[in-house]
Amino acid sequence: MIPAKVKPPIPLEVLNQIDVRVGTILSVTDVANSDKLVALAVNFGDHKRTILAGLKRERPNPHEIEGKQALFVVNLAPRKMAGMVSEGMLFDLGYQDGITPVLAMPETPIPDGTRAG
């Protein structure tokens, strides 16, 4: 695989606006009427959120990520998809490059809600 070209530079102020945090995936449930979305119940330490992710086509068993920590973008505006509201975005690796995505996760457990950056 040839790596994708690096995107154009952005100001540091723009990068600092993105709030990426660690959360533990408590459960994964199917989203009715969607052939790709699952709902992740995620613990961020001081609160829990529902985050929708297109994992049905990417993983034979999306439930295998239950109990794992991963990185999430938490300051996106809530977005309605397939009749449900997503309160963030799973930050995974590989999808944009056409390979089977994997979780972006800490190398050792850390407190839920810990910020990246």
N, C-alpha and C. Protein backbone atom coordinates (compact mmCIF):
# COMPACT_ATOMS: atom_id res chain seq x y z
N MET A 1 0.84 -1.19 0.00
CA MET A 1 0.00 0.00 0.00
C MET A 1 0.88 1.24 0.00
N ILE A 2 0.55 2.19 -0.85
CA ILE A 2 1.25 3.46 -0.90
C ILE A 2 0.53 4.43 0.03
N PRO A 3 1.24 5.05 0.96
CA PRO A 3 0.57 6.00 1.86
C PRO A 3 -0.07 7.16 1.10
N ALA A 4 -1.20 7.62 1.62
CA ALA A 4 -1.89 8.77 1.03
C ALA A 4 -1.04 10.01 1.21
N LYS A 5 -1.23 10.98 0.31
CA LYS A 5 -0.54 12.26 0.43
C LYS A 5 -0.98 12.96 1.71
N VAL A 6 -0.07 13.70 2.29
CA VAL A 6 -0.38 14.47 3.49
C VAL A 6 -1.29 15.63 3.10
N LYS A 7 -2.31 15.86 3.91
CA LYS A 7 -3.25 16.95 3.65
C LYS A 7 -2.55 18.30 3.82
N PRO A 8 -3.12 19.37 3.25
CA PRO A 8 -2.51 20.70 3.38
C PRO A 8 -2.39 21.12 4.85
N PRO A 9 -1.41 21.94 5.16
CA PRO A 9 -1.23 22.41 6.54
C PRO A 9 -2.44 23.19 7.04
N ILE A 10 -2.69 23.07 8.34
CA ILE A 10 -3.74 23.85 9.00
C ILE A 10 -3.10 24.60 10.17
N PRO A 11 -3.70 25.70 10.56
CA PRO A 11 -3.17 26.42 11.72
C PRO A 11 -3.36 25.60 13.00
N LEU A 12 -2.43 25.73 13.93
CA LEU A 12 -2.52 25.03 15.20
C LEU A 12 -3.82 25.35 15.93
N GLU A 13 -4.34 26.55 15.75
CA GLU A 13 -5.60 26.94 16.40
C GLU A 13 -6.76 26.04 15.95
N VAL A 14 -6.75 25.63 14.69
CA VAL A 14 -7.81 24.75 14.18
C VAL A 14 -7.68 23.37 14.82
N LEU A 15 -6.48 22.84 14.89
CA LEU A 15 -6.26 21.54 15.52
C LEU A 15 -6.68 21.57 16.99
N ASN A 16 -6.38 22.65 17.68
CA ASN A 16 -6.72 22.77 19.10
C ASN A 16 -8.21 22.82 19.36
N GLN A 17 -9.02 23.03 18.34
CA GLN A 17 -10.48 23.06 18.49
C GLN A 17 -11.08 21.65 18.55
N ILE A 18 -10.34 20.65 18.09
CA ILE A 18 -10.85 19.28 18.07
C ILE A 18 -10.61 18.65 19.43
N ASP A 19 -11.68 18.15 20.06
CA ASP A 19 -11.60 17.55 21.38
C ASP A 19 -11.65 16.03 21.23
N VAL A 20 -10.50 15.38 21.33
CA VAL A 20 -10.39 13.93 21.21
C VAL A 20 -10.16 13.37 22.62
N ARG A 21 -11.00 12.41 23.02
CA ARG A 21 -10.91 11.84 24.37
C ARG A 21 -11.00 10.32 24.34
N VAL A 22 -10.47 9.74 25.39
CA VAL A 22 -10.56 8.29 25.57
C VAL A 22 -11.89 7.95 26.22
N GLY A 23 -12.53 6.91 25.71
CA GLY A 23 -13.75 6.40 26.31
C GLY A 23 -13.75 4.89 26.25
N THR A 24 -14.46 4.28 27.18
CA THR A 24 -14.60 2.82 27.18
C THR A 24 -15.93 2.46 26.53
N ILE A 25 -15.88 1.55 25.56
CA ILE A 25 -17.08 1.09 24.86
C ILE A 25 -17.78 0.08 25.77
N LEU A 26 -18.93 0.49 26.29
CA LEU A 26 -19.68 -0.36 27.23
C LEU A 26 -20.50 -1.41 26.51
N SER A 27 -21.11 -1.02 25.39
CA SER A 27 -21.93 -1.97 24.63
C SER A 27 -22.01 -1.53 23.17
N VAL A 28 -22.32 -2.51 22.33
CA VAL A 28 -22.51 -2.30 20.89
C VAL A 28 -23.86 -2.90 20.54
N THR A 29 -24.76 -2.08 19.98
CA THR A 29 -26.08 -2.58 19.58
C THR A 29 -26.37 -2.21 18.13
N ASP A 30 -27.12 -3.06 17.46
CA ASP A 30 -27.50 -2.79 16.07
C ASP A 30 -28.42 -1.57 16.01
N VAL A 31 -28.29 -0.82 14.94
CA VAL A 31 -29.22 0.28 14.65
C VAL A 31 -30.22 -0.26 13.65
N ALA A 32 -31.49 -0.25 14.05
CA ALA A 32 -32.54 -0.77 13.17
C ALA A 32 -32.56 0.02 11.86
N ASN A 33 -32.90 -0.64 10.79
CA ASN A 33 -33.02 -0.02 9.47
C ASN A 33 -31.70 0.53 8.94
N SER A 34 -30.58 0.02 9.40
CA SER A 34 -29.28 0.42 8.86
C SER A 34 -28.46 -0.84 8.61
N ASP A 35 -27.86 -0.91 7.42
CA ASP A 35 -27.02 -2.07 7.11
C ASP A 35 -25.56 -1.84 7.47
N LYS A 36 -25.24 -0.66 8.04
CA LYS A 36 -23.85 -0.43 8.42
C LYS A 36 -23.66 0.12 9.83
N LEU A 37 -24.67 0.79 10.41
CA LEU A 37 -24.48 1.46 11.69
C LEU A 37 -24.74 0.58 12.90
N VAL A 38 -23.90 0.79 13.93
CA VAL A 38 -24.14 0.25 15.26
C VAL A 38 -24.09 1.43 16.23
N ALA A 39 -24.75 1.26 17.38
CA ALA A 39 -24.73 2.29 18.42
C ALA A 39 -23.77 1.84 19.51
N LEU A 40 -22.80 2.70 19.80
CA LEU A 40 -21.84 2.43 20.87
C LEU A 40 -22.27 3.21 22.10
N ALA A 41 -22.41 2.54 23.23
CA ALA A 41 -22.60 3.22 24.51
C ALA A 41 -21.20 3.39 25.07
N VAL A 42 -20.80 4.66 25.27
CA VAL A 42 -19.41 4.95 25.64
C VAL A 42 -19.35 5.72 26.95
N ASN A 43 -18.47 5.27 27.84
CA ASN A 43 -18.26 5.93 29.12
C ASN A 43 -17.06 6.88 29.00
N PHE A 44 -17.29 8.16 29.31
CA PHE A 44 -16.21 9.15 29.30
C PHE A 44 -15.85 9.61 30.72
N GLY A 45 -16.14 8.79 31.70
CA GLY A 45 -15.77 9.09 33.07
C GLY A 45 -16.84 9.87 33.81
N ASP A 46 -17.08 11.10 33.38
CA ASP A 46 -18.08 11.93 34.05
C ASP A 46 -19.44 11.87 33.36
N HIS A 47 -19.52 11.22 32.21
CA HIS A 47 -20.78 11.07 31.50
C HIS A 47 -20.68 9.95 30.48
N LYS A 48 -21.84 9.53 29.97
CA LYS A 48 -21.91 8.51 28.92
C LYS A 48 -22.59 9.11 27.71
N ARG A 49 -22.22 8.59 26.55
CA ARG A 49 -22.81 9.06 25.28
C ARG A 49 -23.10 7.89 24.37
N THR A 50 -24.01 8.14 23.44
CA THR A 50 -24.25 7.20 22.35
C THR A 50 -23.54 7.74 21.12
N ILE A 51 -22.71 6.91 20.52
CA ILE A 51 -21.98 7.31 19.32
C ILE A 51 -22.23 6.25 18.26
N LEU A 52 -22.73 6.67 17.11
CA LEU A 52 -23.00 5.75 16.01
C LEU A 52 -21.74 5.59 15.16
N ALA A 53 -21.50 4.36 14.73
CA ALA A 53 -20.32 4.06 13.91
C ALA A 53 -20.69 3.02 12.88
N GLY A 54 -20.12 3.13 11.69
CA GLY A 54 -20.40 2.21 10.59
C GLY A 54 -19.55 0.96 10.67
N LEU A 55 -19.81 0.11 11.64
CA LEU A 55 -18.97 -1.07 11.87
C LEU A 55 -19.55 -2.37 11.34
N LYS A 56 -20.82 -2.41 10.97
CA LYS A 56 -21.44 -3.69 10.55
C LYS A 56 -20.73 -4.30 9.35
N ARG A 57 -20.32 -3.49 8.42
CA ARG A 57 -19.66 -4.01 7.21
C ARG A 57 -18.16 -4.19 7.41
N GLU A 58 -17.61 -3.60 8.47
CA GLU A 58 -16.17 -3.61 8.68
C GLU A 58 -15.69 -4.76 9.54
N ARG A 59 -16.57 -5.31 10.37
CA ARG A 59 -16.18 -6.33 11.33
C ARG A 59 -17.20 -7.47 11.32
N PRO A 60 -16.72 -8.71 11.33
CA PRO A 60 -17.65 -9.83 11.39
C PRO A 60 -18.44 -9.82 12.71
N ASN A 61 -17.82 -9.34 13.78
CA ASN A 61 -18.47 -9.30 15.09
C ASN A 61 -18.19 -7.95 15.76
N PRO A 62 -19.03 -6.94 15.53
CA PRO A 62 -18.79 -5.63 16.13
C PRO A 62 -18.75 -5.66 17.66
N HIS A 63 -19.35 -6.68 18.27
CA HIS A 63 -19.37 -6.77 19.74
C HIS A 63 -17.99 -7.04 20.33
N GLU A 64 -17.02 -7.43 19.49
CA GLU A 64 -15.68 -7.74 19.99
C GLU A 64 -14.97 -6.52 20.58
N ILE A 65 -15.49 -5.31 20.32
CA ILE A 65 -14.83 -4.12 20.86
C ILE A 65 -15.43 -3.68 22.19
N GLU A 66 -16.45 -4.38 22.67
CA GLU A 66 -17.04 -4.05 23.97
C GLU A 66 -15.98 -4.21 25.06
N GLY A 67 -15.92 -3.23 25.95
CA GLY A 67 -14.94 -3.25 27.04
C GLY A 67 -13.61 -2.63 26.68
N LYS A 68 -13.41 -2.27 25.43
CA LYS A 68 -12.14 -1.67 25.00
C LYS A 68 -12.20 -0.15 25.07
N GLN A 69 -11.05 0.43 25.33
CA GLN A 69 -10.93 1.89 25.27
C GLN A 69 -10.58 2.27 23.84
N ALA A 70 -11.05 3.44 23.42
CA ALA A 70 -10.75 3.96 22.09
C ALA A 70 -10.78 5.48 22.15
N LEU A 71 -10.34 6.10 21.05
CA LEU A 71 -10.37 7.56 20.94
C LEU A 71 -11.63 7.98 20.21
N PHE A 72 -12.22 9.08 20.67
CA PHE A 72 -13.45 9.63 20.10
C PHE A 72 -13.34 11.14 19.98
N VAL A 73 -13.91 11.70 18.91
CA VAL A 73 -14.08 13.15 18.80
C VAL A 73 -15.39 13.45 19.52
N VAL A 74 -15.32 14.30 20.57
CA VAL A 74 -16.51 14.52 21.41
C VAL A 74 -17.15 15.89 21.25
N ASN A 75 -16.55 16.77 20.46
CA ASN A 75 -17.16 18.10 20.34
C ASN A 75 -17.76 18.37 18.96
N LEU A 76 -18.24 17.33 18.31
CA LEU A 76 -19.01 17.51 17.08
C LEU A 76 -20.46 17.79 17.46
N ALA A 77 -21.16 18.54 16.65
CA ALA A 77 -22.58 18.76 16.89
C ALA A 77 -23.31 17.42 16.80
N PRO A 78 -24.30 17.17 17.67
CA PRO A 78 -25.07 15.93 17.56
C PRO A 78 -25.66 15.79 16.15
N ARG A 79 -25.67 14.55 15.66
CA ARG A 79 -26.11 14.31 14.29
C ARG A 79 -27.10 13.15 14.26
N LYS A 80 -28.24 13.37 13.64
CA LYS A 80 -29.25 12.32 13.54
C LYS A 80 -28.94 11.45 12.33
N MET A 81 -28.88 10.14 12.58
CA MET A 81 -28.62 9.16 11.52
C MET A 81 -29.50 7.94 11.79
N ALA A 82 -30.19 7.48 10.78
CA ALA A 82 -31.03 6.28 10.87
C ALA A 82 -31.98 6.34 12.07
N GLY A 83 -32.51 7.54 12.34
CA GLY A 83 -33.48 7.69 13.41
C GLY A 83 -32.89 7.82 14.81
N MET A 84 -31.56 7.81 14.93
CA MET A 84 -30.91 7.96 16.24
C MET A 84 -29.96 9.17 16.19
N VAL A 85 -29.59 9.65 17.36
CA VAL A 85 -28.67 10.79 17.44
C VAL A 85 -27.30 10.28 17.87
N SER A 86 -26.27 10.67 17.12
CA SER A 86 -24.88 10.36 17.46
C SER A 86 -24.27 11.58 18.13
N GLU A 87 -23.60 11.35 19.27
CA GLU A 87 -23.04 12.45 20.05
C GLU A 87 -21.52 12.49 19.98
N GLY A 88 -20.96 12.15 18.82
CA GLY A 88 -19.51 12.17 18.64
C GLY A 88 -19.13 11.28 17.49
N MET A 89 -17.83 10.98 17.41
CA MET A 89 -17.33 10.14 16.31
C MET A 89 -16.22 9.24 16.81
N LEU A 90 -16.31 7.96 16.48
CA LEU A 90 -15.23 7.03 16.76
C LEU A 90 -14.04 7.41 15.89
N PHE A 91 -12.88 7.49 16.49
CA PHE A 91 -11.65 7.86 15.78
C PHE A 91 -10.92 6.56 15.48
N ASP A 92 -11.19 5.98 14.29
CA ASP A 92 -10.52 4.73 13.96
C ASP A 92 -9.49 4.95 12.86
N LEU A 93 -8.73 3.92 12.57
CA LEU A 93 -7.63 4.00 11.61
C LEU A 93 -7.85 3.03 10.47
N GLY A 94 -7.62 3.47 9.23
CA GLY A 94 -7.64 2.59 8.08
C GLY A 94 -8.76 2.78 7.08
N TYR A 95 -9.92 3.22 7.54
CA TYR A 95 -11.08 3.32 6.65
C TYR A 95 -10.77 4.16 5.41
N GLN A 96 -10.22 5.35 5.60
CA GLN A 96 -9.93 6.25 4.48
C GLN A 96 -8.92 5.67 3.50
N ASP A 97 -8.13 4.69 3.95
CA ASP A 97 -7.12 4.08 3.10
C ASP A 97 -7.56 2.75 2.50
N GLY A 98 -8.83 2.39 2.73
CA GLY A 98 -9.36 1.19 2.12
C GLY A 98 -8.91 -0.10 2.78
N ILE A 99 -8.44 -0.03 4.01
CA ILE A 99 -8.09 -1.25 4.72
C ILE A 99 -9.07 -1.45 5.87
N THR A 100 -9.15 -2.67 6.38
CA THR A 100 -10.06 -2.95 7.48
C THR A 100 -9.70 -2.06 8.67
N PRO A 101 -10.63 -1.22 9.12
CA PRO A 101 -10.33 -0.30 10.20
C PRO A 101 -10.03 -1.00 11.53
N VAL A 102 -9.20 -0.34 12.31
CA VAL A 102 -8.88 -0.77 13.67
C VAL A 102 -9.10 0.41 14.59
N LEU A 103 -9.29 0.12 15.88
CA LEU A 103 -9.48 1.19 16.84
C LEU A 103 -8.18 1.95 17.09
N ALA A 104 -8.31 3.26 17.27
CA ALA A 104 -7.21 4.07 17.78
C ALA A 104 -7.37 4.03 19.29
N MET A 105 -6.41 3.44 19.97
CA MET A 105 -6.59 3.21 21.40
C MET A 105 -5.29 3.40 22.17
N PRO A 106 -5.43 3.71 23.48
CA PRO A 106 -4.22 3.87 24.29
C PRO A 106 -3.49 2.54 24.46
N GLU A 107 -2.18 2.60 24.61
CA GLU A 107 -1.40 1.37 24.76
C GLU A 107 -1.61 0.68 26.10
N THR A 108 -1.99 1.45 27.11
CA THR A 108 -2.34 0.89 28.42
C THR A 108 -3.61 1.60 28.89
N PRO A 109 -4.39 0.98 29.77
CA PRO A 109 -5.61 1.64 30.25
C PRO A 109 -5.29 2.98 30.94
N ILE A 110 -6.12 3.97 30.65
CA ILE A 110 -6.02 5.28 31.29
C ILE A 110 -7.43 5.73 31.65
N PRO A 111 -7.57 6.75 32.50
CA PRO A 111 -8.92 7.15 32.91
C PRO A 111 -9.78 7.60 31.72
N ASP A 112 -11.04 7.14 31.71
CA ASP A 112 -11.98 7.58 30.68
C ASP A 112 -12.12 9.10 30.75
N GLY A 113 -12.19 9.73 29.60
CA GLY A 113 -12.30 11.18 29.53
C GLY A 113 -10.97 11.87 29.34
N THR A 114 -9.86 11.13 29.42
CA THR A 114 -8.53 11.72 29.21
C THR A 114 -8.45 12.30 27.80
N ARG A 115 -7.92 13.53 27.71
CA ARG A 115 -7.83 14.21 26.41
C ARG A 115 -6.58 13.82 25.65
N ALA A 116 -6.70 13.76 24.33
CA ALA A 116 -5.55 13.54 23.45
C ALA A 116 -4.96 14.89 23.09
N GLY A 117 -3.67 14.89 22.79
CA GLY A 117 -3.05 16.13 22.32
C GLY A 117 -1.96 16.64 23.20
